[in-house]
C-alpha atoms as a PDB file:
ATOM      1  CA  THR A   1     -18.404   4.497  14.551  1.00  0.00           C
ATOM      2  CA  ILE A   2     -19.752   1.628  16.616  1.00  0.00           C
ATOM      3  CA  VAL A   3     -17.091  -0.894  17.626  1.00  0.00           C
ATOM      4  CA  SER A   4     -17.416  -4.280  19.248  1.00  0.00           C
ATOM      5  CA  ASN A   5     -15.380  -7.432  19.712  1.00  0.00           C
ATOM      6  CA  VAL A   6     -18.235  -9.288  17.993  1.00  0.00           C
ATOM      7  CA  ALA A   7     -17.408  -9.974  14.337  1.00  0.00           C
ATOM      8  CA  GLY A   8     -19.762  -8.334  11.845  1.00  0.00           C
ATOM      9  CA  THR A   9     -20.556  -5.163  13.826  1.00  0.00           C
ATOM     10  CA  THR A  10     -19.326  -2.936  11.011  1.00  0.00           C
ATOM     11  CA  ARG A  11     -21.585  -3.443   7.977  1.00  0.00           C
ATOM     12  CA  ASP A  12     -20.462  -0.708   5.580  1.00  0.00           C
ATOM     13  CA  ALA A  13     -17.299   1.042   4.391  1.00  0.00           C
ATOM     14  CA  ILE A  14     -17.277   4.373   6.216  1.00  0.00           C
ATOM     15  CA  ASP A  15     -15.264   7.391   5.028  1.00  0.00           C
ATOM     16  CA  ILE A  16     -13.728   9.302   7.940  1.00  0.00           C
ATOM     17  CA  PRO A  17     -12.029  12.685   7.255  1.00  0.00           C
ATOM     18  CA  TYR A  18      -8.893  12.959   9.371  1.00  0.00           C
ATOM     19  CA  LEU A  19      -6.247  15.678   9.772  1.00  0.00           C
ATOM     20  CA  HIS A  20      -2.749  14.536  10.754  1.00  0.00           C
ATOM     21  CA  ASP A  21       0.069  17.067  11.122  1.00  0.00           C
ATOM     22  CA  GLY A  22      -1.850  19.464   8.881  1.00  0.00           C
ATOM     23  CA  GLN A  23      -2.252  16.867   6.126  1.00  0.00           C
ATOM     24  CA  PRO A  24      -5.841  15.875   5.236  1.00  0.00           C
ATOM     25  CA  TYR A  25      -6.637  12.193   4.865  1.00  0.00           C
ATOM     26  CA  VAL A  26      -9.768  10.161   4.293  1.00  0.00           C
ATOM     27  CA  LEU A  27      -9.660   6.904   6.236  1.00  0.00           C
ATOM     28  CA  ILE A  28     -11.958   4.189   4.895  1.00  0.00           C
ATOM     29  CA  ASP A  29     -13.071   1.947   7.749  1.00  0.00           C
ATOM     30  CA  THR A  30     -14.183  -1.267   6.063  1.00  0.00           C
ATOM     31  CA  ALA A  31     -16.367  -4.099   7.252  1.00  0.00           C
ATOM     32  CA  GLY A  32     -14.574  -7.249   8.283  1.00  0.00           C
ATOM     33  CA  MET A  33     -14.485  -9.811   5.472  1.00  0.00           C
ATOM     34  CA  ARG A  34     -15.228 -13.415   6.330  1.00  0.00           C
ATOM     35  CA  PRO A  35     -14.767 -16.253   3.815  1.00  0.00           C
ATOM     36  CA  ARG A  36     -17.661 -16.573   1.365  1.00  0.00           C
ATOM     37  CA  SER A  37     -18.687 -19.965   2.775  1.00  0.00           C
ATOM     38  CA  ARG A  38     -19.170 -18.430   6.243  1.00  0.00           C
ATOM     39  CA  ARG A  39     -21.246 -15.401   5.252  1.00  0.00           C
ATOM     40  CA  ASP A  40     -24.616 -15.903   6.908  1.00  0.00           C
ATOM     41  CA  THR A  41     -26.784 -13.200   5.345  1.00  0.00           C
ATOM     42  CA  SER A  42     -27.144 -11.114   2.203  1.00  0.00           C
ATOM     43  CA  VAL A  43     -26.205  -8.095   4.347  1.00  0.00           C
ATOM     44  CA  GLU A  44     -22.803  -9.662   5.035  1.00  0.00           C
ATOM     45  CA  VAL A  45     -22.351 -10.479   1.347  1.00  0.00           C
ATOM     46  CA  PHE A  46     -22.991  -6.870   0.342  1.00  0.00           C
ATOM     47  CA  SER A  47     -20.742  -5.638   3.183  1.00  0.00           C
ATOM     48  CA  ALA A  48     -17.888  -7.702   1.728  1.00  0.00           C
ATOM     49  CA  MET A  49     -18.575  -6.296  -1.751  1.00  0.00           C
ATOM     50  CA  ARG A  50     -18.364  -2.744  -0.385  1.00  0.00           C
ATOM     51  CA  SER A  51     -15.081  -3.590   1.331  1.00  0.00           C
ATOM     52  CA  GLU A  52     -13.669  -4.865  -1.962  1.00  0.00           C
ATOM     53  CA  LYS A  53     -14.841  -1.669  -3.678  1.00  0.00           C
ATOM     54  CA  ALA A  54     -13.069   0.357  -0.960  1.00  0.00           C
ATOM     55  CA  ILE A  55      -9.812  -1.414  -1.826  1.00  0.00           C
ATOM     56  CA  ARG A  56     -10.186  -0.371  -5.470  1.00  0.00           C
ATOM     57  CA  ARG A  57     -10.755   3.306  -4.661  1.00  0.00           C
ATOM     58  CA  ALA A  58      -8.098   3.617  -1.937  1.00  0.00           C
ATOM     59  CA  ASP A  59      -4.751   5.279  -2.655  1.00  0.00           C
ATOM     60  CA  ILE A  60      -2.932   3.164  -0.069  1.00  0.00           C
ATOM     61  CA  CYS A  61      -4.321  -0.005   1.544  1.00  0.00           C
ATOM     62  CA  LEU A  62      -3.563  -0.831   5.167  1.00  0.00           C
ATOM     63  CA  LEU A  63      -3.919  -4.593   5.570  1.00  0.00           C
ATOM     64  CA  VAL A  64      -4.595  -5.137   9.293  1.00  0.00           C
ATOM     65  CA  ILE A  65      -3.681  -8.595  10.603  1.00  0.00           C
ATOM     66  CA  ASP A  66      -4.394 -10.033  14.054  1.00  0.00           C
ATOM     67  CA  ILE A  67      -0.944 -11.523  14.565  1.00  0.00           C
ATOM     68  CA  ALA A  68      -1.968 -13.065  17.910  1.00  0.00           C
ATOM     69  CA  ALA A  69      -4.403 -15.263  15.957  1.00  0.00           C
ATOM     70  CA  GLY A  70      -1.979 -15.787  13.077  1.00  0.00           C
ATOM     71  CA  ILE A  71      -2.245 -15.017   9.366  1.00  0.00           C
ATOM     72  CA  THR A  72      -5.428 -16.607   8.078  1.00  0.00           C
ATOM     73  CA  GLN A  73      -6.605 -17.755   4.666  1.00  0.00           C
ATOM     74  CA  GLN A  74      -8.912 -14.739   4.601  1.00  0.00           C
ATOM     75  CA  ASP A  75      -5.953 -12.405   5.244  1.00  0.00           C
ATOM     76  CA  ARG A  76      -4.248 -13.961   2.232  1.00  0.00           C
ATOM     77  CA  ARG A  77      -7.383 -13.519   0.133  1.00  0.00           C
ATOM     78  CA  ILE A  78      -7.657  -9.817   0.982  1.00  0.00           C
ATOM     79  CA  ALA A  79      -3.955  -9.406   0.258  1.00  0.00           C
ATOM     80  CA  GLY A  80      -4.594 -11.093  -3.088  1.00  0.00           C
ATOM     81  CA  ILE A  81      -7.283  -8.535  -3.935  1.00  0.00           C
ATOM     82  CA  ILE A  82      -4.835  -5.728  -3.087  1.00  0.00           C
ATOM     83  CA  ALA A  83      -2.200  -7.319  -5.338  1.00  0.00           C
ATOM     84  CA  GLU A  84      -4.689  -7.829  -8.192  1.00  0.00           C
ATOM     85  CA  GLU A  85      -5.699  -4.171  -8.017  1.00  0.00           C
ATOM     86  CA  GLY A  86      -2.038  -3.123  -8.006  1.00  0.00           C
ATOM     87  CA  LYS A  87      -2.473  -1.012  -4.881  1.00  0.00           C
ATOM     88  CA  PRO A  88       0.281   0.383  -2.669  1.00  0.00           C
ATOM     89  CA  CYS A  89       0.042  -1.456   0.637  1.00  0.00           C
ATOM     90  CA  ILE A  90       1.293  -1.363   4.219  1.00  0.00           C
ATOM     91  CA  ILE A  91       0.814  -4.472   6.351  1.00  0.00           C
ATOM     92  CA  ILE A  92      -0.301  -3.598   9.889  1.00  0.00           C
ATOM     93  CA  VAL A  93       0.630  -6.433  12.253  1.00  0.00           C
ATOM     94  CA  ASN A  94      -1.758  -5.639  15.116  1.00  0.00           C
ATOM     95  CA  LYS A  95      -1.955  -7.112  18.649  1.00  0.00           C
ATOM     96  CA  PHE A  96       1.828  -7.398  18.674  1.00  0.00           C
ATOM     97  CA  ASP A  97       1.686  -7.009  22.463  1.00  0.00           C
ATOM     98  CA  LEU A  98      -0.061 -10.411  22.671  1.00  0.00           C
ATOM     99  CA  PHE A  99       2.357 -12.196  20.321  1.00  0.00           C
ATOM    100  CA  HIS A 100       4.759 -14.319  22.444  1.00  0.00           C
ATOM    101  CA  PRO A 101       4.890 -11.585  25.102  1.00  0.00           C
ATOM    102  CA  ASN A 102       7.584 -13.356  27.147  1.00  0.00           C
ATOM    103  CA  ALA A 103      10.090 -13.443  24.274  1.00  0.00           C
ATOM    104  CA  SER A 104      12.454 -10.593  23.409  1.00  0.00           C
ATOM    105  CA  ARG A 105      11.219  -7.948  20.972  1.00  0.00           C
ATOM    106  CA  LYS A 106      14.017  -8.842  18.546  1.00  0.00           C
ATOM    107  CA  ASP A 107      12.977 -12.516  18.447  1.00  0.00           C
ATOM    108  CA  ARG A 108       9.282 -11.585  18.137  1.00  0.00           C
ATOM    109  CA  MET A 109       9.982  -9.206  15.227  1.00  0.00           C
ATOM    110  CA  ALA A 110      12.090 -11.841  13.465  1.00  0.00           C
ATOM    111  CA  GLU A 111       9.308 -14.418  13.786  1.00  0.00           C
ATOM    112  CA  VAL A 112       6.650 -11.944  12.609  1.00  0.00           C
ATOM    113  CA  GLU A 113       8.712 -11.018   9.557  1.00  0.00           C
ATOM    114  CA  GLU A 114       9.229 -14.678   8.690  1.00  0.00           C
ATOM    115  CA  GLN A 115       5.456 -15.300   8.900  1.00  0.00           C
ATOM    116  CA  VAL A 116       4.502 -12.214   6.916  1.00  0.00           C
ATOM    117  CA  ARG A 117       6.986 -12.829   4.128  1.00  0.00           C
ATOM    118  CA  ARG A 118       6.115 -16.532   3.902  1.00  0.00           C
ATOM    119  CA  GLU A 119       2.325 -16.211   4.009  1.00  0.00           C
ATOM    120  CA  LEU A 120       1.992 -12.972   2.036  1.00  0.00           C
ATOM    121  CA  PHE A 121       4.847 -13.415  -0.441  1.00  0.00           C
ATOM    122  CA  PHE A 122       2.719 -12.067  -3.315  1.00  0.00           C
ATOM    123  CA  ILE A 123       2.732  -8.581  -1.751  1.00  0.00           C
ATOM    124  CA  SER A 124       6.410  -8.732  -0.858  1.00  0.00           C
ATOM    125  CA  TYR A 125       6.718  -5.067  -1.840  1.00  0.00           C
ATOM    126  CA  ALA A 126       4.607  -4.051   1.187  1.00  0.00           C
ATOM    127  CA  PRO A 127       6.455  -2.967   4.346  1.00  0.00           C
ATOM    128  CA  PHE A 128       5.022  -4.163   7.649  1.00  0.00           C
ATOM    129  CA  ILE A 129       4.565  -2.316  10.924  1.00  0.00           C
ATOM    130  CA  ALA A 130       4.044  -3.966  14.323  1.00  0.00           C
ATOM    131  CA  THR A 131       1.322  -2.206  16.314  1.00  0.00           C
ATOM    132  CA  SER A 132      -0.901  -2.495  19.336  1.00  0.00           C
ATOM    133  CA  ALA A 133      -4.123  -0.563  18.817  1.00  0.00           C
ATOM    134  CA  LYS A 134      -5.101  -1.166  22.449  1.00  0.00           C
ATOM    135  CA  LYS A 135      -1.867   0.418  23.719  1.00  0.00           C
ATOM    136  CA  ALA A 136      -1.593   2.951  20.845  1.00  0.00           C
ATOM    137  CA  GLU A 137       1.855   1.634  19.951  1.00  0.00           C
ATOM    138  CA  GLY A 138       3.281   1.964  16.445  1.00  0.00           C
ATOM    139  CA  VAL A 139       0.432   4.084  15.077  1.00  0.00           C
ATOM    140  CA  GLU A 140       2.619   7.120  14.415  1.00  0.00           C
ATOM    141  CA  ILE A 141       4.986   4.983  12.316  1.00  0.00           C
ATOM    142  CA  ILE A 142       2.112   4.215   9.933  1.00  0.00           C
ATOM    143  CA  PHE A 143       1.822   7.857   8.888  1.00  0.00           C
ATOM    144  CA  LYS A 144       5.589   8.170   8.462  1.00  0.00           C
ATOM    145  CA  VAL A 145       5.581   5.227   6.037  1.00  0.00           C
ATOM    146  CA  ILE A 146       2.522   6.602   4.196  1.00  0.00           C
ATOM    147  CA  THR A 147       4.311   9.932   3.776  1.00  0.00           C
ATOM    148  CA  ARG A 148       7.467   8.201   2.532  1.00  0.00           C
ATOM    149  CA  ILE A 149       5.527   6.259  -0.103  1.00  0.00           C
ATOM    150  CA  ARG A 150       3.621   9.359  -1.277  1.00  0.00           C
ATOM    151  CA  ARG A 151       6.658  11.599  -1.472  1.00  0.00           C
ATOM    152  CA  LEU A 152       9.199   9.306  -3.071  1.00  0.00           C
ATOM    153  CA  ILE A 153       8.785  10.613  -6.638  1.00  0.00           C
ATOM    154  CA  GLN A 154       8.151  14.155  -5.400  1.00  0.00           C
ATOM    155  CA  LEU A 155      11.398  14.234  -3.388  1.00  0.00           C
ATOM    156  CA  ALA A 156      13.362  12.808  -6.314  1.00  0.00           C
ATOM    157  CA  GLN A 157      12.118  15.656  -8.524  1.00  0.00           C
ATOM    158  CA  GLN A 158      12.990  18.279  -5.923  1.00  0.00           C
ATOM    159  CA  MET A 159      16.529  16.949  -5.550  1.00  0.00           C
ATOM    160  CA  ASN A 160      17.112  16.882  -9.293  1.00  0.00           C
ATOM    161  CA  PRO A 161      14.483  18.668 -11.431  1.00  0.00           C
ATOM    162  CA  PRO A 162      14.254  17.310 -14.995  1.00  0.00           C
ATOM    163  CA  GLY A 163      16.007  19.425 -17.604  1.00  0.00           C
ATOM    164  CA  ALA A 164      14.633  20.472 -20.974  1.00  0.00           C
ATOM    165  CA  ALA A 165      14.521  17.759 -23.624  1.00  0.00           C
ATOM    166  CA  SER A 166      17.004  17.980 -26.454  1.00  0.00           C
ATOM    167  CA  GLY A 167      15.826  20.478 -29.081  1.00  0.00           C
ATOM    168  CA  SER A 168      12.930  21.655 -26.902  1.00  0.00           C
ATOM    169  CA  ALA A 169      12.399  24.446 -24.406  1.00  0.00           C
ATOM    170  CA  ARG A 170       9.774  22.397 -22.539  1.00  0.00           C
ATOM    171  CA  ARG A 171      10.548  20.564 -19.313  1.00  0.00           C
ATOM    172  CA  LEU A 172       9.078  17.369 -17.983  1.00  0.00           C
ATOM    173  CA  LYS A 173       6.478  17.795 -15.227  1.00  0.00           C
ATOM    174  CA  ILE A 174       5.360  14.823 -13.167  1.00  0.00           C
ATOM    175  CA  TYR A 175       1.922  15.561 -11.753  1.00  0.00           C
ATOM    176  CA  TYR A 176       1.145  12.258 -10.097  1.00  0.00           C
ATOM    177  CA  ALA A 177       2.541   8.769  -9.709  1.00  0.00           C
ATOM    178  CA  THR A 178       1.048   5.459  -8.661  1.00  0.00           C
ATOM    179  CA  THR A 179       1.954   1.779  -8.833  1.00  0.00           C
ATOM    180  CA  ALA A 180       0.375  -1.197 -10.542  1.00  0.00           C
ATOM    181  CA  VAL A 181       1.288  -4.880 -10.782  1.00  0.00           C
ATOM    182  CA  ASP A 182       1.213  -6.532 -14.194  1.00  0.00           C
ATOM    183  CA  PRO A 183      -0.894  -9.736 -13.950  1.00  0.00           C
ATOM    184  CA  LYS A 184       1.610 -11.606 -16.129  1.00  0.00           C
ATOM    185  CA  TYR A 185       4.030 -11.579 -13.179  1.00  0.00           C
ATOM    186  CA  ASN A 186       2.317 -14.277 -11.109  1.00  0.00           C
ATOM    187  CA  THR A 187       5.139 -15.767  -9.062  1.00  0.00           C
ATOM    188  CA  ILE A 188       7.032 -12.575  -8.242  1.00  0.00           C
ATOM    189  CA  PRO A 189       4.987  -9.356  -8.522  1.00  0.00           C
ATOM    190  CA  VAL A 190       6.876  -6.660 -10.421  1.00  0.00           C
ATOM    191  CA  PRO A 191       5.522  -3.170  -9.698  1.00  0.00           C
ATOM    192  CA  ARG A 192       5.091  -0.800 -12.618  1.00  0.00           C
ATOM    193  CA  TYR A 193       5.327   2.900 -11.781  1.00  0.00           C
ATOM    194  CA  VAL A 194       2.718   4.847 -13.725  1.00  0.00           C
ATOM    195  CA  LEU A 195       3.769   8.488 -14.129  1.00  0.00           C
ATOM    196  CA  PHE A 196       1.188  11.077 -15.170  1.00  0.00           C
ATOM    197  CA  VAL A 197       3.169  13.802 -16.948  1.00  0.00           C
ATOM    198  CA  ASN A 198       2.676  16.829 -19.164  1.00  0.00           C
ATOM    199  CA  ASP A 199       4.291  15.068 -22.159  1.00  0.00           C
ATOM    200  CA  LYS A 200       5.661  11.535 -21.979  1.00  0.00           C
ATOM    201  CA  SER A 201       8.092  12.250 -24.838  1.00  0.00           C
ATOM    202  CA  LEU A 202       9.981  14.524 -22.408  1.00  0.00           C
ATOM    203  CA  LEU A 203      10.833  11.616 -20.087  1.00  0.00           C
ATOM    204  CA  THR A 204      14.403  10.863 -21.114  1.00  0.00           C
ATOM    205  CA  ASP A 205      16.301   7.634 -20.512  1.00  0.00           C
ATOM    206  CA  SER A 206      18.755   9.447 -18.243  1.00  0.00           C
ATOM    207  CA  TYR A 207      16.010  10.880 -16.040  1.00  0.00           C
ATOM    208  CA  SER A 208      14.233   7.532 -15.927  1.00  0.00           C
ATOM    209  CA  GLN A 209      17.464   5.968 -14.694  1.00  0.00           C
ATOM    210  CA  TYR A 210      17.801   8.683 -12.057  1.00  0.00           C
ATOM    211  CA  LEU A 211      14.297   7.947 -10.766  1.00  0.00           C
ATOM    212  CA  ARG A 212      15.067   4.210 -10.731  1.00  0.00           C
ATOM    213  CA  ASN A 213      18.155   4.814  -8.621  1.00  0.00           C
ATOM    214  CA  LYS A 214      16.196   6.921  -6.108  1.00  0.00           C
ATOM    215  CA  ILE A 215      13.505   4.246  -5.820  1.00  0.00           C
ATOM    216  CA  ARG A 216      16.116   1.543  -5.253  1.00  0.00           C
ATOM    217  CA  GLU A 217      17.771   3.648  -2.561  1.00  0.00           C
ATOM    218  CA  ALA A 218      14.467   3.889  -0.702  1.00  0.00           C
ATOM    219  CA  TYR A 219      13.247   0.342  -1.429  1.00  0.00           C
ATOM    220  CA  PRO A 220      16.070  -2.118  -2.161  1.00  0.00           C
ATOM    221  CA  ALA A 221      14.676  -5.052  -4.128  1.00  0.00           C
ATOM    222  CA  PRO A 222      17.442  -7.261  -5.550  1.00  0.00           C
ATOM    223  CA  GLY A 223      16.489  -8.877  -8.845  1.00  0.00           C
ATOM    224  CA  ILE A 224      13.317  -6.846  -9.329  1.00  0.00           C
ATOM    225  CA  PRO A 225      13.230  -4.407 -12.279  1.00  0.00           C
ATOM    226  CA  VAL A 226      11.877  -0.878 -11.871  1.00  0.00           C
ATOM    227  CA  ILE A 227       9.478  -0.311 -14.776  1.00  0.00           C
ATOM    228  CA  PHE A 228       8.009   3.072 -15.714  1.00  0.00           C
ATOM    229  CA  SER A 229       4.922   3.759 -17.800  1.00  0.00           C
ATOM    230  CA  ALA A 230       4.448   7.430 -18.652  1.00  0.00           C
ATOM    231  CA  ARG A 231       1.049   8.835 -19.583  1.00  0.00           C
ATOM    232  CA  SER A 232       0.602  12.306 -21.041  1.00  0.00           C
ATOM    233  CA  ARG A 233      -2.056  14.420 -19.399  1.00  0.00           C
ATOM    234  CA  VAL A 234      -4.840  15.413 -21.767  1.00  0.00           C
ATOM    235  CA  ARG A 235      -6.817  18.635 -21.565  1.00  0.00           C
ATOM    236  CA  ASN A 236      -9.820  16.973 -19.908  1.00  0.00           C
ATOM    237  CA  ASP A 237      -7.594  15.839 -16.992  1.00  0.00           C
END
């Protein structure tokens, strides 16, 4: 793709197939999104619409922030779209090498975390990673976090497969899991884990509690409930 330090070079959301450690990905490179009041042409308006559509169809959103310039109102708006769509998210704090370069890394990380958590409190569930695209620093960590998010439910099942439900020979099978945020939780977003299963009646209270415990081990969140919503797979799926 064509890149430039001039804002607005990218006009469309571009799907890029990518293989990382044998795992296929599709990276969606989106157009930069300026505030509505600063969009000069209809082309830029439609570019922003395609970027918003890319957020809705992505499995995991990577919110890239220029930390050297600070977290902007537009960063908060994009984060708000991610929260409204209930999308898993990783915050990429880019240009970390330019952020108070004379201070210690520990102090810089502490200040970055304070900014991220204060300005983007409504996606508090999202981990953040400090990177420098120019120096290729921190990029590998992104894929480790993506893998951890994708495999959380899968690993929990492997460690303790669900048993047969009482009075039935059938066992619960979890095919897929994703997260959503209920819009009624405005001040503190509470993620709801949507489990796509063979038969939701086979999800017992004991196994639900086991999954909750595994999620809390991986992502401690004091005071935040872990809510499951099971959906039975139908034949057309």
